[in-house]
Structures are given as C-alpha cells and as structure tokens.
Amino acid sequence: MKVFDLLEEIEEIVDTASGFPLTGKIMVDSEELLEIVREIRAELPQEMKQAQWLEGEQSRIQGEAKEKYETIIADARAQADALVDNDEITRRARDKAEEILTTAEEKATALKLGTYEYMDSILFSFQEKMEQLNATYFGDMFNTIETTFAGISDTLQANREEIKSMAYEVHIESKDYIE
C-alpha cells in the first residue's frame, strides 16, 4: 500500500536527519516532508473508498440474508399448505412446518449474526490500523491528519455499535419468535 511506503519514507527522513546537539531536535527539508504529506493525502481517498465498500457490502449481505429468509419462509408455508389432507397428515404437516419455520428462523438469525460479526471484525481491524497509523507516524506534527483519523475511528465505532445493536435486536426478535 502506497501510504505505508510514504510513511516509511518520512520515518527514514527523520531517522537520517542531522541533529542539534543537546536538544533532541533535528533539521529536515520541509519541502520534502510536505510533498510526502501531499502524496499521503492523495492516497487517503482510497482508504475511504474501502470503508464505503464495506458499508455497501454490509447492505448487500443483509439484503441477501433477508431474501434467503423470505424464500425459506415461503417454501415452508408452501410445503405446509401442500400437506394438509387429513388429520394425521395435517398434524404431521403442522409439526414439520413448525420445525422448518424454526430452523429457517434459526438459520436466518445465525446468518444475520454471522454477517454482523464479520462486518464488526473488518471494521475493528480497520479501526485498529487507523489508530496504529495515527499513534505511530503523525503525533503533534500532523494535527489535521490526526483529526481525520479520529473522525474515521469514531465513524467506524459508531458503525460497529449500530451493527451490535442490530444483532441484539435480531437476537431479541429470535427469542420472541421462539417463545
């Protein structure tokens, strides 16, 4: 990833810069550093596109889960209707339909929860990487970039909280349905 290469270049410049005795200060070419910062800014939108892609993937996966859920429910109802002929067959059909509906609900819930966990792990990993970049490379010298990373981190955390909330609601709904 180009951003990491540019950050390594900044690190090398700082490591090889001439120092002022007894001060801990160094002398660097500001134009060279500013050019690297500009290149980093040019690369950051790619990271933003990845975050947007993740959001789109979340919606797509949720849509697919809902479609599968609805298909399973429709199939279960169709099977139950087809089996209603006499008392014994009707009883068996009802039992089977309830079993299919319960299984479908459990699978749909598991799929939703799995989707939320997957998205949460991706967002958490991305959030950790952003925080690591912020802590390692920018410090006080790049307050503007630090503010950007903090905003991204807050957004990712909010997205994670939203996913957890949706997962909790699905969990509660599935308990209500089973009861």
Protein backbone atom coordinates (compact mmCIF):
# COMPACT_ATOMS: atom_id res chain seq x y z
CA MET A 1 0.00 0.00 0.00
CA LYS A 2 1.47 3.31 -1.06
CA VAL A 3 0.51 5.15 2.17
CA PHE A 4 2.68 2.79 4.20
CA ASP A 5 5.60 3.30 1.80
CA LEU A 6 5.27 7.07 2.15
CA LEU A 7 5.13 6.81 5.92
CA GLU A 8 8.27 4.69 5.88
CA GLU A 9 9.92 7.38 3.76
CA ILE A 10 9.04 10.02 6.38
CA GLU A 11 10.40 7.76 9.08
CA GLU A 12 13.67 7.32 7.14
CA ILE A 13 14.00 11.09 6.67
CA VAL A 14 13.55 11.65 10.39
CA ASP A 15 15.96 8.81 11.28
CA THR A 16 18.72 10.11 8.99
CA ALA A 17 18.26 13.85 9.67
CA SER A 18 21.04 15.94 11.22
CA GLY A 19 20.52 16.73 14.87
CA PHE A 20 21.15 19.75 17.05
CA PRO A 21 23.41 18.81 19.96
CA LEU A 22 21.80 18.57 23.43
CA THR A 23 18.31 19.49 22.18
CA GLY A 24 16.93 16.30 20.69
CA LYS A 25 15.82 18.42 17.70
CA ILE A 26 16.56 17.57 14.07
CA MET A 27 16.76 19.51 10.84
CA VAL A 28 14.71 18.24 7.87
CA ASP A 29 13.81 19.55 4.44
CA SER A 30 10.29 20.88 4.94
CA GLU A 31 9.50 20.81 1.21
CA GLU A 32 10.41 17.14 1.01
CA LEU A 33 8.20 16.30 4.01
CA LEU A 34 5.33 18.43 2.73
CA GLU A 35 5.50 16.69 -0.65
CA ILE A 36 5.22 13.30 1.06
CA VAL A 37 2.27 14.54 3.14
CA ARG A 38 0.57 15.69 -0.08
CA GLU A 39 1.09 12.24 -1.59
CA ILE A 40 -0.39 10.63 1.54
CA ARG A 41 -3.43 12.89 1.28
CA ALA A 42 -3.80 11.86 -2.35
CA GLU A 43 -3.80 8.20 -1.31
CA LEU A 44 -6.22 8.54 1.63
CA PRO A 45 -9.36 8.65 -0.53
CA GLN A 46 -8.61 5.03 -1.48
CA GLU A 47 -8.89 4.12 2.21
CA MET A 48 -12.18 6.00 2.33
CA LYS A 49 -13.41 4.05 -0.70
CA GLN A 50 -12.62 0.84 1.13
CA ALA A 51 -14.70 1.97 4.12
CA GLN A 52 -17.59 2.85 1.78
CA TRP A 53 -17.22 -0.51 0.08
CA LEU A 54 -17.53 -2.21 3.48
CA GLU A 55 -20.72 -0.30 4.14
CA GLY A 56 -22.12 -1.37 0.77
CA GLU A 57 -21.12 -4.98 1.44
CA GLN A 58 -22.96 -4.85 4.74
CA SER A 59 -26.15 -3.72 2.99
CA ARG A 60 -25.74 -6.31 0.26
CA ILE A 61 -25.17 -9.16 2.73
CA GLN A 62 -28.14 -8.07 4.81
CA GLY A 63 -30.30 -7.94 1.68
CA GLU A 64 -29.20 -11.42 0.66
CA ALA A 65 -29.90 -12.72 4.17
CA LYS A 66 -33.39 -11.21 4.08
CA GLU A 67 -34.09 -12.71 0.64
CA LYS A 68 -32.94 -16.15 1.80
CA TYR A 69 -35.03 -15.81 4.94
CA GLU A 70 -38.13 -14.84 2.96
CA THR A 71 -37.56 -17.66 0.45
CA ILE A 72 -37.21 -20.23 3.23
CA ILE A 73 -40.36 -18.96 4.94
CA ALA A 74 -42.32 -19.01 1.66
CA ASP A 75 -41.08 -22.55 0.90
CA ALA A 76 -42.02 -23.70 4.40
CA ARG A 77 -45.52 -22.27 4.07
CA ALA A 78 -45.96 -23.81 0.63
CA GLN A 79 -44.89 -27.21 1.95
CA ALA A 80 -47.25 -26.90 4.90
CA ASP A 81 -50.21 -26.00 2.66
CA ALA A 82 -49.48 -28.94 0.33
CA LEU A 83 -49.52 -31.44 3.19
CA VAL A 84 -52.99 -30.59 4.57
CA ASP A 85 -55.14 -33.62 3.51
CA ASN A 86 -56.43 -35.40 6.61
CA ASP A 87 -55.99 -35.25 10.42
CA GLU A 88 -52.79 -37.30 10.72
CA ILE A 89 -51.19 -35.75 7.66
CA THR A 90 -52.34 -32.31 8.86
CA ARG A 91 -50.80 -32.87 12.30
CA ARG A 92 -47.56 -34.08 10.74
CA ALA A 93 -47.58 -31.19 8.30
CA ARG A 94 -48.04 -28.68 11.10
CA ASP A 95 -45.23 -30.28 13.08
CA LYS A 96 -42.96 -30.28 10.04
CA ALA A 97 -43.93 -26.71 9.12
CA GLU A 98 -43.13 -25.52 12.65
CA GLU A 99 -39.84 -27.37 12.53
CA ILE A 100 -38.99 -25.84 9.14
CA LEU A 101 -40.03 -22.37 10.32
CA THR A 102 -37.98 -22.73 13.50
CA THR A 103 -34.98 -23.97 11.51
CA ALA A 104 -35.41 -21.17 8.98
CA GLU A 105 -35.62 -18.56 11.73
CA GLU A 106 -32.54 -20.00 13.45
CA LYS A 107 -30.59 -20.10 10.19
CA ALA A 108 -31.67 -16.57 9.28
CA THR A 109 -30.73 -15.33 12.73
CA ALA A 110 -27.39 -17.15 12.60
CA LEU A 111 -26.72 -15.72 9.13
CA LYS A 112 -27.55 -12.21 10.30
CA LEU A 113 -25.42 -12.55 13.43
CA GLY A 114 -22.57 -14.04 11.39
CA THR A 115 -22.81 -11.13 8.98
CA TYR A 116 -22.72 -8.63 11.84
CA GLU A 117 -19.72 -10.38 13.41
CA TYR A 118 -17.91 -10.45 10.07
CA MET A 119 -18.56 -6.76 9.44
CA ASP A 120 -17.62 -5.89 13.03
CA SER A 121 -14.31 -7.76 12.71
CA ILE A 122 -13.50 -5.97 9.45
CA LEU A 123 -14.42 -2.58 10.92
CA PHE A 124 -12.50 -3.33 14.13
CA SER A 125 -9.40 -4.37 12.15
CA PHE A 126 -9.62 -1.24 10.02
CA GLN A 127 -10.15 0.89 13.13
CA GLU A 128 -7.07 -0.65 14.80
CA LYS A 129 -4.94 0.00 11.70
CA MET A 130 -6.09 3.62 11.56
CA GLU A 131 -5.35 4.13 15.26
CA GLN A 132 -1.94 2.46 14.86
CA LEU A 133 -1.05 4.73 11.94
CA ASN A 134 -2.17 7.75 13.92
CA ALA A 135 -0.18 6.82 17.03
CA THR A 136 2.96 5.73 15.17
CA TYR A 137 3.54 8.31 12.47
CA PHE A 138 1.78 11.57 12.95
CA GLY A 139 1.85 12.84 16.57
CA ASP A 140 1.73 16.56 17.14
CA MET A 141 3.27 17.39 13.75
CA PHE A 142 0.19 16.44 11.72
CA ASN A 143 -2.85 17.55 13.75
CA THR A 144 -5.01 17.79 10.67
CA ILE A 145 -4.39 14.17 9.73
CA GLU A 146 -4.87 13.13 13.34
CA THR A 147 -8.30 14.78 13.38
CA THR A 148 -9.19 12.90 10.18
CA PHE A 149 -8.17 9.55 11.67
CA ALA A 150 -10.13 10.30 14.83
CA GLY A 151 -13.22 11.05 12.75
CA ILE A 152 -12.82 7.81 10.79
CA SER A 153 -12.33 5.89 14.03
CA ASP A 154 -15.45 7.46 15.53
CA THR A 155 -17.43 6.61 12.42
CA LEU A 156 -16.17 3.03 12.47
CA GLN A 157 -17.01 2.73 16.17
CA ALA A 158 -20.48 4.13 15.52
CA ASN A 159 -20.92 1.61 12.69
CA ARG A 160 -19.81 -1.19 15.00
CA GLU A 161 -22.25 -0.04 17.66
CA GLU A 162 -25.02 0.07 15.06
CA ILE A 163 -24.18 -3.47 13.92
CA LYS A 164 -24.12 -4.68 17.53
CA SER A 165 -27.48 -3.00 18.12
CA MET A 166 -28.96 -4.64 15.03
CA ALA A 167 -27.54 -8.00 16.11
CA TYR A 168 -29.02 -7.54 19.57
CA GLU A 169 -32.41 -6.73 18.03
CA VAL A 170 -32.21 -9.83 15.85
CA HIS A 171 -31.30 -11.88 18.89
CA ILE A 172 -34.25 -10.45 20.87
CA GLU A 173 -36.60 -10.95 17.91
CA SER A 174 -35.50 -14.54 17.52
CA LYS A 175 -36.13 -15.18 21.24
CA ASP A 176 -39.58 -13.57 20.96
CA TYR A 177 -40.37 -15.71 17.92
CA ILE A 178 -39.25 -18.94 19.59
CA GLU A 179 -41.28 -18.22 22.73
